[in-house]
Amino acid sequence: MESIKENRGFRNLWLSRWVKIQAVALLMLAPVASEAGSCLAPVQPFVPSDSQAARDYADIIRRDFEVYITDIQDYFRCLEQERARAFEEAREVSQDYGRFLELVGD
C-alpha cells in the first residue's frame, strides 16, 4: 500500500513539474513568435491518463485548455495575417519580375 502511495506521489510531482515546464515554455515562446513575425502553434494541453491525477489537477488542466483555446484563436489570426502578407509579397515580387523581364528584353 505504501508503494502505491509513493508511486502516486511521484506521478503527481512529475505532472506538476510537467505543467510548470509547459507554462514556462509558452511564456518564453510567445514574445519570439510575435517579434519574428511567424506563427507558432500552441502546445496541446496535457491530460493525464490516470483519473486520480486528472482529478487532482483538474483546475490546472482546465486552465490549460482555456489558455489553449485562446492561443489557438490567436494562432489562426496569425496564420491569416501571414497569408495576407505572403500574398502581398508574392504580388510585389511578380511585379518586380515583370519589370526585370522588360529590362532584359525577355
PDB file of N, CA and C in Angstrom:
ATOM      1  N   MET A   1       0.822  -1.189   0.000  1.00  0.00           N
ATOM      2  CA  MET A   1       0.000   0.000   0.000  1.00  0.00           C
ATOM      3  C   MET A   1       0.866   1.254   0.000  1.00  0.00           C
ATOM      4  N   GLU A   2       1.922   1.228   0.796  1.00  0.00           N
ATOM      5  CA  GLU A   2       2.825   2.380   0.873  1.00  0.00           C
ATOM      6  C   GLU A   2       3.474   2.651  -0.482  1.00  0.00           C
ATOM      7  N   SER A   3       3.804   1.579  -1.187  1.00  0.00           N
ATOM      8  CA  SER A   3       4.429   1.719  -2.502  1.00  0.00           C
ATOM      9  C   SER A   3       3.500   2.409  -3.491  1.00  0.00           C
ATOM     10  N   ILE A   4       2.223   2.108  -3.431  1.00  0.00           N
ATOM     11  CA  ILE A   4       1.249   2.733  -4.322  1.00  0.00           C
ATOM     12  C   ILE A   4       1.162   4.224  -4.034  1.00  0.00           C
ATOM     13  N   LYS A   5       1.140   4.584  -2.754  1.00  0.00           N
ATOM     14  CA  LYS A   5       1.088   6.000  -2.381  1.00  0.00           C
ATOM     15  C   LYS A   5       2.338   6.732  -2.847  1.00  0.00           C
ATOM     16  N   GLU A   6       3.495   6.099  -2.688  1.00  0.00           N
ATOM     17  CA  GLU A   6       4.740   6.721  -3.145  1.00  0.00           C
ATOM     18  C   GLU A   6       4.721   6.904  -4.649  1.00  0.00           C
ATOM     19  N   ASN A   7       4.258   5.883  -5.374  1.00  0.00           N
ATOM     20  CA  ASN A   7       4.186   5.961  -6.832  1.00  0.00           C
ATOM     21  C   ASN A   7       3.236   7.074  -7.265  1.00  0.00           C
ATOM     22  N   ARG A   8       2.079   7.175  -6.622  1.00  0.00           N
ATOM     23  CA  ARG A   8       1.114   8.221  -6.948  1.00  0.00           C
ATOM     24  C   ARG A   8       1.705   9.597  -6.653  1.00  0.00           C
ATOM     25  N   GLY A   9       2.411   9.713  -5.525  1.00  0.00           N
ATOM     26  CA  GLY A   9       3.048  10.979  -5.188  1.00  0.00           C
ATOM     27  C   GLY A   9       4.104  11.368  -6.199  1.00  0.00           C
ATOM     28  N   PHE A  10       4.865  10.393  -6.659  1.00  0.00           N
ATOM     29  CA  PHE A  10       5.879  10.653  -7.687  1.00  0.00           C
ATOM     30  C   PHE A  10       5.218  11.109  -8.985  1.00  0.00           C
ATOM     31  N   ARG A  11       4.127  10.435  -9.352  1.00  0.00           N
ATOM     32  CA  ARG A  11       3.413  10.792 -10.573  1.00  0.00           C
ATOM     33  C   ARG A  11       2.839  12.198 -10.467  1.00  0.00           C
ATOM     34  N   ASN A  12       2.268  12.541  -9.314  1.00  0.00           N
ATOM     35  CA  ASN A  12       1.715  13.875  -9.113  1.00  0.00           C
ATOM     36  C   ASN A  12       2.814  14.933  -9.160  1.00  0.00           C
ATOM     37  N   LEU A  13       3.958  14.639  -8.580  1.00  0.00           N
ATOM     38  CA  LEU A  13       5.088  15.555  -8.634  1.00  0.00           C
ATOM     39  C   LEU A  13       5.543  15.744 -10.070  1.00  0.00           C
ATOM     40  N   TRP A  14       5.618  14.641 -10.820  1.00  0.00           N
ATOM     41  CA  TRP A  14       6.034  14.714 -12.223  1.00  0.00           C
ATOM     42  C   TRP A  14       5.040  15.548 -13.021  1.00  0.00           C
ATOM     43  N   LEU A  15       3.737  15.330 -12.825  1.00  0.00           N
ATOM     44  CA  LEU A  15       2.718  16.081 -13.540  1.00  0.00           C
ATOM     45  C   LEU A  15       2.817  17.563 -13.207  1.00  0.00           C
ATOM     46  N   SER A  16       3.016  17.871 -11.943  1.00  0.00           N
ATOM     47  CA  SER A  16       3.144  19.263 -11.534  1.00  0.00           C
ATOM     48  C   SER A  16       4.337  19.921 -12.221  1.00  0.00           C
ATOM     49  N   ARG A  17       5.446  19.231 -12.262  1.00  0.00           N
ATOM     50  CA  ARG A  17       6.636  19.779 -12.936  1.00  0.00           C
ATOM     51  C   ARG A  17       6.394  19.920 -14.428  1.00  0.00           C
ATOM     52  N   TRP A  18       5.715  18.939 -15.034  1.00  0.00           N
ATOM     53  CA  TRP A  18       5.440  18.977 -16.471  1.00  0.00           C
ATOM     54  C   TRP A  18       4.569  20.186 -16.816  1.00  0.00           C
ATOM     55  N   VAL A  19       3.566  20.467 -16.028  1.00  0.00           N
ATOM     56  CA  VAL A  19       2.691  21.607 -16.268  1.00  0.00           C
ATOM     57  C   VAL A  19       3.484  22.903 -16.146  1.00  0.00           C
ATOM     58  N   LYS A  20       4.350  22.977 -15.160  1.00  0.00           N
ATOM     59  CA  LYS A  20       5.173  24.182 -14.988  1.00  0.00           C
ATOM     60  C   LYS A  20       6.119  24.365 -16.166  1.00  0.00           C
ATOM     61  N   ILE A  21       6.709  23.279 -16.647  1.00  0.00           N
ATOM     62  CA  ILE A  21       7.618  23.356 -17.799  1.00  0.00           C
ATOM     63  C   ILE A  21       6.864  23.857 -19.022  1.00  0.00           C
ATOM     64  N   GLN A  22       5.652  23.347 -19.244  1.00  0.00           N
ATOM     65  CA  GLN A  22       4.849  23.804 -20.377  1.00  0.00           C
ATOM     66  C   GLN A  22       4.536  25.295 -20.258  1.00  0.00           C
ATOM     67  N   ALA A  23       4.192  25.734 -19.085  1.00  0.00           N
ATOM     68  CA  ALA A  23       3.860  27.144 -18.892  1.00  0.00           C
ATOM     69  C   ALA A  23       5.056  28.033 -19.167  1.00  0.00           C
ATOM     70  N   VAL A  24       6.211  27.651 -18.663  1.00  0.00           N
ATOM     71  CA  VAL A  24       7.428  28.441 -18.894  1.00  0.00           C
ATOM     72  C   VAL A  24       7.765  28.465 -20.382  1.00  0.00           C
ATOM     73  N   ALA A  25       7.658  27.316 -21.049  1.00  0.00           N
ATOM     74  CA  ALA A  25       7.956  27.250 -22.479  1.00  0.00           C
ATOM     75  C   ALA A  25       7.021  28.166 -23.268  1.00  0.00           C
ATOM     76  N   LEU A  26       5.752  28.163 -22.932  1.00  0.00           N
ATOM     77  CA  LEU A  26       4.805  29.032 -23.632  1.00  0.00           C
ATOM     78  C   LEU A  26       5.122  30.507 -23.402  1.00  0.00           C
ATOM     79  N   LEU A  27       5.471  30.851 -22.172  1.00  0.00           N
ATOM     80  CA  LEU A  27       5.801  32.246 -21.872  1.00  0.00           C
ATOM     81  C   LEU A  27       7.060  32.689 -22.608  1.00  0.00           C
ATOM     82  N   MET A  28       8.005  31.779 -22.764  1.00  0.00           N
ATOM     83  CA  MET A  28       9.250  32.124 -23.453  1.00  0.00           C
ATOM     84  C   MET A  28       9.040  32.226 -24.964  1.00  0.00           C
ATOM     85  N   LEU A  29       8.181  31.414 -25.522  1.00  0.00           N
ATOM     86  CA  LEU A  29       7.992  31.387 -26.962  1.00  0.00           C
ATOM     87  C   LEU A  29       7.050  32.466 -27.477  1.00  0.00           C
ATOM     88  N   ALA A  30       6.115  32.907 -26.674  1.00  0.00           N
ATOM     89  CA  ALA A  30       5.119  33.873 -27.136  1.00  0.00           C
ATOM     90  C   ALA A  30       5.745  35.163 -27.670  1.00  0.00           C
ATOM     91  N   PRO A  31       6.667  35.811 -26.950  1.00  0.00           N
ATOM     92  CA  PRO A  31       7.258  37.034 -27.494  1.00  0.00           C
ATOM     93  C   PRO A  31       8.079  36.772 -28.754  1.00  0.00           C
ATOM     94  N   VAL A  32       8.729  35.642 -28.840  1.00  0.00           N
ATOM     95  CA  VAL A  32       9.546  35.320 -30.011  1.00  0.00           C
ATOM     96  C   VAL A  32       8.671  35.228 -31.247  1.00  0.00           C
ATOM     97  N   ALA A  33       7.527  34.603 -31.136  1.00  0.00           N
ATOM     98  CA  ALA A  33       6.644  34.437 -32.274  1.00  0.00           C
ATOM     99  C   ALA A  33       6.168  35.786 -32.799  1.00  0.00           C
ATOM    100  N   SER A  34       5.808  36.697 -31.907  1.00  0.00           N
ATOM    101  CA  SER A  34       5.309  37.985 -32.363  1.00  0.00           C
ATOM    102  C   SER A  34       6.433  38.855 -32.926  1.00  0.00           C
ATOM    103  N   GLU A  35       7.629  38.772 -32.373  1.00  0.00           N
ATOM    104  CA  GLU A  35       8.744  39.561 -32.872  1.00  0.00           C
ATOM    105  C   GLU A  35       9.246  39.038 -34.206  1.00  0.00           C
ATOM    106  N   ALA A  36       9.254  37.737 -34.372  1.00  0.00           N
ATOM    107  CA  ALA A  36       9.793  37.145 -35.583  1.00  0.00           C
ATOM    108  C   ALA A  36       8.792  37.213 -36.726  1.00  0.00           C
ATOM    109  N   GLY A  37       7.535  37.512 -36.443  1.00  0.00           N
ATOM    110  CA  GLY A  37       6.539  37.563 -37.485  1.00  0.00           C
ATOM    111  C   GLY A  37       6.129  36.181 -37.967  1.00  0.00           C
ATOM    112  N   SER A  38       6.389  35.178 -37.164  1.00  0.00           N
ATOM    113  CA  SER A  38       5.995  33.825 -37.542  1.00  0.00           C
ATOM    114  C   SER A  38       4.897  33.348 -36.600  1.00  0.00           C
ATOM    115  N   CYS A  39       4.185  32.363 -37.073  1.00  0.00           N
ATOM    116  CA  CYS A  39       3.088  31.816 -36.280  1.00  0.00           C
ATOM    117  C   CYS A  39       3.523  30.478 -35.706  1.00  0.00           C
ATOM    118  N   LEU A  40       3.431  30.356 -34.406  1.00  0.00           N
ATOM    119  CA  LEU A  40       3.757  29.091 -33.750  1.00  0.00           C
ATOM    120  C   LEU A  40       2.486  28.514 -33.142  1.00  0.00           C
ATOM    121  N   ALA A  41       2.214  27.281 -33.493  1.00  0.00           N
ATOM    122  CA  ALA A  41       1.026  26.616 -32.951  1.00  0.00           C
ATOM    123  C   ALA A  41       1.213  26.401 -31.454  1.00  0.00           C
ATOM    124  N   PRO A  42       0.141  26.583 -30.687  1.00  0.00           N
ATOM    125  CA  PRO A  42       0.260  26.356 -29.244  1.00  0.00           C
ATOM    126  C   PRO A  42       0.418  24.868 -28.940  1.00  0.00           C
ATOM    127  N   VAL A  43       0.994  24.607 -27.792  1.00  0.00           N
ATOM    128  CA  VAL A  43       1.178  23.229 -27.330  1.00  0.00           C
ATOM    129  C   VAL A  43      -0.160  22.712 -26.828  1.00  0.00           C
ATOM    130  N   GLN A  44      -0.502  21.510 -27.249  1.00  0.00           N
ATOM    131  CA  GLN A  44      -1.764  20.926 -26.806  1.00  0.00           C
ATOM    132  C   GLN A  44      -1.715  20.667 -25.301  1.00  0.00           C
ATOM    133  N   PRO A  45      -2.835  20.864 -24.636  1.00  0.00           N
ATOM    134  CA  PRO A  45      -2.877  20.606 -23.199  1.00  0.00           C
ATOM    135  C   PRO A  45      -2.602  19.135 -22.892  1.00  0.00           C
ATOM    136  N   PHE A  46      -1.920  18.913 -21.800  1.00  0.00           N
ATOM    137  CA  PHE A  46      -1.622  17.552 -21.345  1.00  0.00           C
ATOM    138  C   PHE A  46      -2.771  17.067 -20.476  1.00  0.00           C
ATOM    139  N   VAL A  47      -3.259  15.887 -20.782  1.00  0.00           N
ATOM    140  CA  VAL A  47      -4.293  15.268 -19.961  1.00  0.00           C
ATOM    141  C   VAL A  47      -3.749  13.928 -19.488  1.00  0.00           C
ATOM    142  N   PRO A  48      -3.580  13.776 -18.190  1.00  0.00           N
ATOM    143  CA  PRO A  48      -3.051  12.507 -17.691  1.00  0.00           C
ATOM    144  C   PRO A  48      -4.038  11.369 -17.920  1.00  0.00           C
ATOM    145  N   SER A  49      -3.511  10.192 -18.159  1.00  0.00           N
ATOM    146  CA  SER A  49      -4.382   9.031 -18.347  1.00  0.00           C
ATOM    147  C   SER A  49      -4.891   8.504 -17.008  1.00  0.00           C
ATOM    148  N   ASP A  50      -4.217   8.869 -15.944  1.00  0.00           N
ATOM    149  CA  ASP A  50      -4.616   8.460 -14.602  1.00  0.00           C
ATOM    150  C   ASP A  50      -5.760   9.363 -14.133  1.00  0.00           C
ATOM    151  N   SER A  51      -6.919   8.758 -13.867  1.00  0.00           N
ATOM    152  CA  SER A  51      -8.088   9.552 -13.484  1.00  0.00           C
ATOM    153  C   SER A  51      -7.877  10.297 -12.162  1.00  0.00           C
ATOM    154  N   GLN A  52      -7.123   9.712 -11.244  1.00  0.00           N
ATOM    155  CA  GLN A  52      -6.876  10.396  -9.975  1.00  0.00           C
ATOM    156  C   GLN A  52      -6.027  11.642 -10.200  1.00  0.00           C
ATOM    157  N   ALA A  53      -4.999  11.532 -11.032  1.00  0.00           N
ATOM    158  CA  ALA A  53      -4.165  12.699 -11.336  1.00  0.00           C
ATOM    159  C   ALA A  53      -4.999  13.762 -12.047  1.00  0.00           C
ATOM    160  N   ALA A  54      -5.881  13.332 -12.939  1.00  0.00           N
ATOM    161  CA  ALA A  54      -6.756  14.289 -13.630  1.00  0.00           C
ATOM    162  C   ALA A  54      -7.628  15.030 -12.626  1.00  0.00           C
ATOM    163  N   ARG A  55      -8.158  14.324 -11.651  1.00  0.00           N
ATOM    164  CA  ARG A  55      -8.979  14.975 -10.624  1.00  0.00           C
ATOM    165  C   ARG A  55      -8.130  15.895  -9.744  1.00  0.00           C
ATOM    166  N   ASP A  56      -6.934  15.413  -9.375  1.00  0.00           N
ATOM    167  CA  ASP A  56      -6.065  16.215  -8.511  1.00  0.00           C
ATOM    168  C   ASP A  56      -5.662  17.534  -9.167  1.00  0.00           C
ATOM    169  N   TYR A  57      -5.489  17.511 -10.474  1.00  0.00           N
ATOM    170  CA  TYR A  57      -5.009  18.696 -11.190  1.00  0.00           C
ATOM    171  C   TYR A  57      -6.072  19.269 -12.123  1.00  0.00           C
ATOM    172  N   ALA A  58      -7.327  19.017 -11.811  1.00  0.00           N
ATOM    173  CA  ALA A  58      -8.426  19.444 -12.683  1.00  0.00           C
ATOM    174  C   ALA A  58      -8.401  20.947 -12.945  1.00  0.00           C
ATOM    175  N   ASP A  59      -8.137  21.748 -11.925  1.00  0.00           N
ATOM    176  CA  ASP A  59      -8.117  23.204 -12.114  1.00  0.00           C
ATOM    177  C   ASP A  59      -7.000  23.626 -13.059  1.00  0.00           C
ATOM    178  N   ILE A  60      -5.836  23.049 -12.898  1.00  0.00           N
ATOM    179  CA  ILE A  60      -4.697  23.378 -13.758  1.00  0.00           C
ATOM    180  C   ILE A  60      -4.966  22.923 -15.188  1.00  0.00           C
ATOM    181  N   ILE A  61      -5.480  21.717 -15.330  1.00  0.00           N
ATOM    182  CA  ILE A  61      -5.755  21.172 -16.661  1.00  0.00           C
ATOM    183  C   ILE A  61      -6.850  21.986 -17.349  1.00  0.00           C
ATOM    184  N   ARG A  62      -7.890  22.332 -16.602  1.00  0.00           N
ATOM    185  CA  ARG A  62      -8.973  23.150 -17.149  1.00  0.00           C
ATOM    186  C   ARG A  62      -8.410  24.485 -17.638  1.00  0.00           C
ATOM    187  N   ARG A  63      -7.546  25.081 -16.845  1.00  0.00           N
ATOM    188  CA  ARG A  63      -6.924  26.366 -17.233  1.00  0.00           C
ATOM    189  C   ARG A  63      -6.057  26.183 -18.473  1.00  0.00           C
ATOM    190  N   ASP A  64      -5.331  25.069 -18.557  1.00  0.00           N
ATOM    191  CA  ASP A  64      -4.517  24.792 -19.751  1.00  0.00           C
ATOM    192  C   ASP A  64      -5.389  24.748 -21.007  1.00  0.00           C
ATOM    193  N   PHE A  65      -6.564  24.135 -20.892  1.00  0.00           N
ATOM    194  CA  PHE A  65      -7.470  24.077 -22.042  1.00  0.00           C
ATOM    195  C   PHE A  65      -7.975  25.463 -22.411  1.00  0.00           C
ATOM    196  N   GLU A  66      -8.314  26.271 -21.402  1.00  0.00           N
ATOM    197  CA  GLU A  66      -8.784  27.624 -21.675  1.00  0.00           C
ATOM    198  C   GLU A  66      -7.693  28.450 -22.357  1.00  0.00           C
ATOM    199  N   VAL A  67      -6.472  28.319 -21.871  1.00  0.00           N
ATOM    200  CA  VAL A  67      -5.343  29.030 -22.484  1.00  0.00           C
ATOM    201  C   VAL A  67      -5.127  28.536 -23.911  1.00  0.00           C
ATOM    202  N   TYR A  68      -5.217  27.227 -24.103  1.00  0.00           N
ATOM    203  CA  TYR A  68      -5.035  26.662 -25.445  1.00  0.00           C
ATOM    204  C   TYR A  68      -6.081  27.216 -26.414  1.00  0.00           C
ATOM    205  N   ILE A  69      -7.324  27.274 -25.990  1.00  0.00           N
ATOM    206  CA  ILE A  69      -8.385  27.771 -26.866  1.00  0.00           C
ATOM    207  C   ILE A  69      -8.120  29.220 -27.258  1.00  0.00           C
ATOM    208  N   THR A  70      -7.705  30.038 -26.307  1.00  0.00           N
ATOM    209  CA  THR A  70      -7.345  31.426 -26.615  1.00  0.00           C
ATOM    210  C   THR A  70      -6.152  31.477 -27.556  1.00  0.00           C
ATOM    211  N   ASP A  71      -5.127  30.676 -27.264  1.00  0.00           N
ATOM    212  CA  ASP A  71      -3.914  30.686 -28.078  1.00  0.00           C
ATOM    213  C   ASP A  71      -4.151  30.160 -29.486  1.00  0.00           C
ATOM    214  N   ILE A  72      -5.021  29.167 -29.653  1.00  0.00           N
ATOM    215  CA  ILE A  72      -5.266  28.625 -30.989  1.00  0.00           C
ATOM    216  C   ILE A  72      -6.025  29.645 -31.829  1.00  0.00           C
ATOM    217  N   GLN A  73      -6.885  30.436 -31.179  1.00  0.00           N
ATOM    218  CA  GLN A  73      -7.573  31.507 -31.912  1.00  0.00           C
ATOM    219  C   GLN A  73      -6.566  32.565 -32.367  1.00  0.00           C
ATOM    220  N   ASP A  74      -5.617  32.919 -31.496  1.00  0.00           N
ATOM    221  CA  ASP A  74      -4.544  33.848 -31.877  1.00  0.00           C
ATOM    222  C   ASP A  74      -3.703  33.269 -33.012  1.00  0.00           C
ATOM    223  N   TYR A  75      -3.445  31.979 -32.943  1.00  0.00           N
ATOM    224  CA  TYR A  75      -2.671  31.297 -33.979  1.00  0.00           C
ATOM    225  C   TYR A  75      -3.387  31.371 -35.323  1.00  0.00           C
ATOM    226  N   PHE A  76      -4.696  31.124 -35.333  1.00  0.00           N
ATOM    227  CA  PHE A  76      -5.463  31.220 -36.583  1.00  0.00           C
ATOM    228  C   PHE A  76      -5.410  32.635 -37.149  1.00  0.00           C
ATOM    229  N   ARG A  77      -5.515  33.639 -36.279  1.00  0.00           N
ATOM    230  CA  ARG A  77      -5.415  35.029 -36.738  1.00  0.00           C
ATOM    231  C   ARG A  77      -4.030  35.304 -37.314  1.00  0.00           C
ATOM    232  N   CYS A  78      -3.014  34.794 -36.647  1.00  0.00           N
ATOM    233  CA  CYS A  78      -1.646  34.978 -37.130  1.00  0.00           C
ATOM    234  C   CYS A  78      -1.470  34.335 -38.504  1.00  0.00           C
ATOM    235  N   LEU A  79      -1.998  33.129 -38.674  1.00  0.00           N
ATOM    236  CA  LEU A  79      -1.900  32.458 -39.975  1.00  0.00           C
ATOM    237  C   LEU A  79      -2.586  33.273 -41.063  1.00  0.00           C
ATOM    238  N   GLU A  80      -3.733  33.836 -40.746  1.00  0.00           N
ATOM    239  CA  GLU A  80      -4.454  34.644 -41.732  1.00  0.00           C
ATOM    240  C   GLU A  80      -3.654  35.902 -42.078  1.00  0.00           C
ATOM    241  N   GLN A  81      -3.059  36.542 -41.073  1.00  0.00           N
ATOM    242  CA  GLN A  81      -2.229  37.721 -41.332  1.00  0.00           C
ATOM    243  C   GLN A  81      -1.002  37.351 -42.152  1.00  0.00           C
ATOM    244  N   GLU A  82      -0.391  36.225 -41.846  1.00  0.00           N
ATOM    245  CA  GLU A  82       0.785  35.768 -42.594  1.00  0.00           C
ATOM    246  C   GLU A  82       0.406  35.431 -44.029  1.00  0.00           C
ATOM    247  N   ARG A  83      -0.751  34.817 -44.227  1.00  0.00           N
ATOM    248  CA  ARG A  83      -1.218  34.511 -45.571  1.00  0.00           C
ATOM    249  C   ARG A  83      -1.394  35.797 -46.367  1.00  0.00           C
ATOM    250  N   ALA A  84      -2.010  36.807 -45.764  1.00  0.00           N
ATOM    251  CA  ALA A  84      -2.212  38.094 -46.439  1.00  0.00           C
ATOM    252  C   ALA A  84      -0.875  38.765 -46.745  1.00  0.00           C
ATOM    253  N   ARG A  85       0.065  38.706 -45.788  1.00  0.00           N
ATOM    254  CA  ARG A  85       1.384  39.301 -46.014  1.00  0.00           C
ATOM    255  C   ARG A  85       2.118  38.595 -47.144  1.00  0.00           C
ATOM    256  N   ALA A  86       2.088  37.265 -47.127  1.00  0.00           N
ATOM    257  CA  ALA A  86       2.777  36.492 -48.156  1.00  0.00           C
ATOM    258  C   ALA A  86       2.147  36.727 -49.528  1.00  0.00           C
ATOM    259  N   PHE A  87       0.838  36.846 -49.578  1.00  0.00           N
ATOM    260  CA  PHE A  87       0.160  37.108 -50.841  1.00  0.00           C
ATOM    261  C   PHE A  87       0.592  38.455 -51.407  1.00  0.00           C
ATOM    262  N   GLU A  88       0.653  39.474 -50.545  1.00  0.00           N
ATOM    263  CA  GLU A  88       1.094  40.808 -50.983  1.00  0.00           C
ATOM    264  C   GLU A  88       2.554  40.770 -51.448  1.00  0.00           C
ATOM    265  N   GLU A  89       3.385  40.061 -50.702  1.00  0.00           N
ATOM    266  CA  GLU A  89       4.789  39.929 -51.089  1.00  0.00           C
ATOM    267  C   GLU A  89       4.910  39.243 -52.451  1.00  0.00           C
ATOM    268  N   ALA A  90       4.150  38.194 -52.664  1.00  0.00           N
ATOM    269  CA  ALA A  90       4.184  37.478 -53.941  1.00  0.00           C
ATOM    270  C   ALA A  90       3.728  38.384 -55.083  1.00  0.00           C
ATOM    271  N   ARG A  91       2.731  39.208 -54.830  1.00  0.00           N
ATOM    272  CA  ARG A  91       2.268  40.155 -55.855  1.00  0.00           C
ATOM    273  C   ARG A  91       3.377  41.144 -56.205  1.00  0.00           C
ATOM    274  N   GLU A  92       4.059  41.671 -55.191  1.00  0.00           N
ATOM    275  CA  GLU A  92       5.158  42.619 -55.422  1.00  0.00           C
ATOM    276  C   GLU A  92       6.307  41.953 -56.172  1.00  0.00           C
ATOM    277  N   VAL A  93       6.655  40.736 -55.796  1.00  0.00           N
ATOM    278  CA  VAL A  93       7.736  40.015 -56.467  1.00  0.00           C
ATOM    279  C   VAL A  93       7.364  39.748 -57.916  1.00  0.00           C
ATOM    280  N   SER A  94       6.125  39.423 -58.155  1.00  0.00           N
ATOM    281  CA  SER A  94       5.664  39.191 -59.524  1.00  0.00           C
ATOM    282  C   SER A  94       5.815  40.459 -60.362  1.00  0.00           C
ATOM    283  N   GLN A  95       5.456  41.607 -59.776  1.00  0.00           N
ATOM    284  CA  GLN A  95       5.629  42.871 -60.484  1.00  0.00           C
ATOM    285  C   GLN A  95       7.110  43.163 -60.737  1.00  0.00           C
ATOM    286  N   ASP A  96       7.953  42.907 -59.723  1.00  0.00           N
ATOM    287  CA  ASP A  96       9.403  43.092 -59.889  1.00  0.00           C
ATOM    288  C   ASP A  96       9.935  42.207 -61.004  1.00  0.00           C
ATOM    289  N   TYR A  97       9.456  40.993 -61.067  1.00  0.00           N
ATOM    290  CA  TYR A  97       9.911  40.065 -62.098  1.00  0.00           C
ATOM    291  C   TYR A  97       9.488  40.563 -63.488  1.00  0.00           C
ATOM    292  N   GLY A  98       8.273  41.094 -63.574  1.00  0.00           N
ATOM    293  CA  GLY A  98       7.809  41.663 -64.846  1.00  0.00           C
ATOM    294  C   GLY A  98       8.702  42.819 -65.287  1.00  0.00           C
ATOM    295  N   ARG A  99       9.062  43.704 -64.340  1.00  0.00           N
ATOM    296  CA  ARG A  99       9.969  44.818 -64.673  1.00  0.00           C
ATOM    297  C   ARG A  99      11.348  44.299 -65.076  1.00  0.00           C
ATOM    298  N   PHE A 100      11.826  43.269 -64.379  1.00  0.00           N
ATOM    299  CA  PHE A 100      13.115  42.673 -64.726  1.00  0.00           C
ATOM    300  C   PHE A 100      13.088  42.116 -66.143  1.00  0.00           C
ATOM    301  N   LEU A 101      12.020  41.412 -66.496  1.00  0.00           N
ATOM    302  CA  LEU A 101      11.922  40.836 -67.838  1.00  0.00           C
ATOM    303  C   LEU A 101      11.895  41.928 -68.892  1.00  0.00           C
ATOM    304  N   GLU A 102      11.238  43.062 -68.592  1.00  0.00           N
ATOM    305  CA  GLU A 102      11.241  44.189 -69.532  1.00  0.00           C
ATOM    306  C   GLU A 102      12.651  44.751 -69.705  1.00  0.00           C
ATOM    307  N   LEU A 103      13.422  44.833 -68.602  1.00  0.00           N
ATOM    308  CA  LEU A 103      14.787  45.364 -68.658  1.00  0.00           C
ATOM    309  C   LEU A 103      15.712  44.492 -69.505  1.00  0.00           C
ATOM    310  N   VAL A 104      15.574  43.196 -69.383  1.00  0.00           N
ATOM    311  CA  VAL A 104      16.481  42.314 -70.119  1.00  0.00           C
ATOM    312  C   VAL A 104      15.935  41.923 -71.484  1.00  0.00           C
ATOM    313  N   GLY A 105      14.753  42.421 -71.816  1.00  0.00           N
ATOM    314  CA  GLY A 105      14.200  42.181 -73.147  1.00  0.00           C
ATOM    315  C   GLY A 105      13.578  40.820 -73.357  1.00  0.00           C
ATOM    316  N   ASP A 106      13.192  40.137 -72.315  1.00  0.00           N
ATOM    317  CA  ASP A 106      12.535  38.839 -72.490  1.00  0.00           C
ATOM    318  C   ASP A 106      11.045  38.988 -72.638  1.00  0.00           C
TER     319      ASP A 106
END
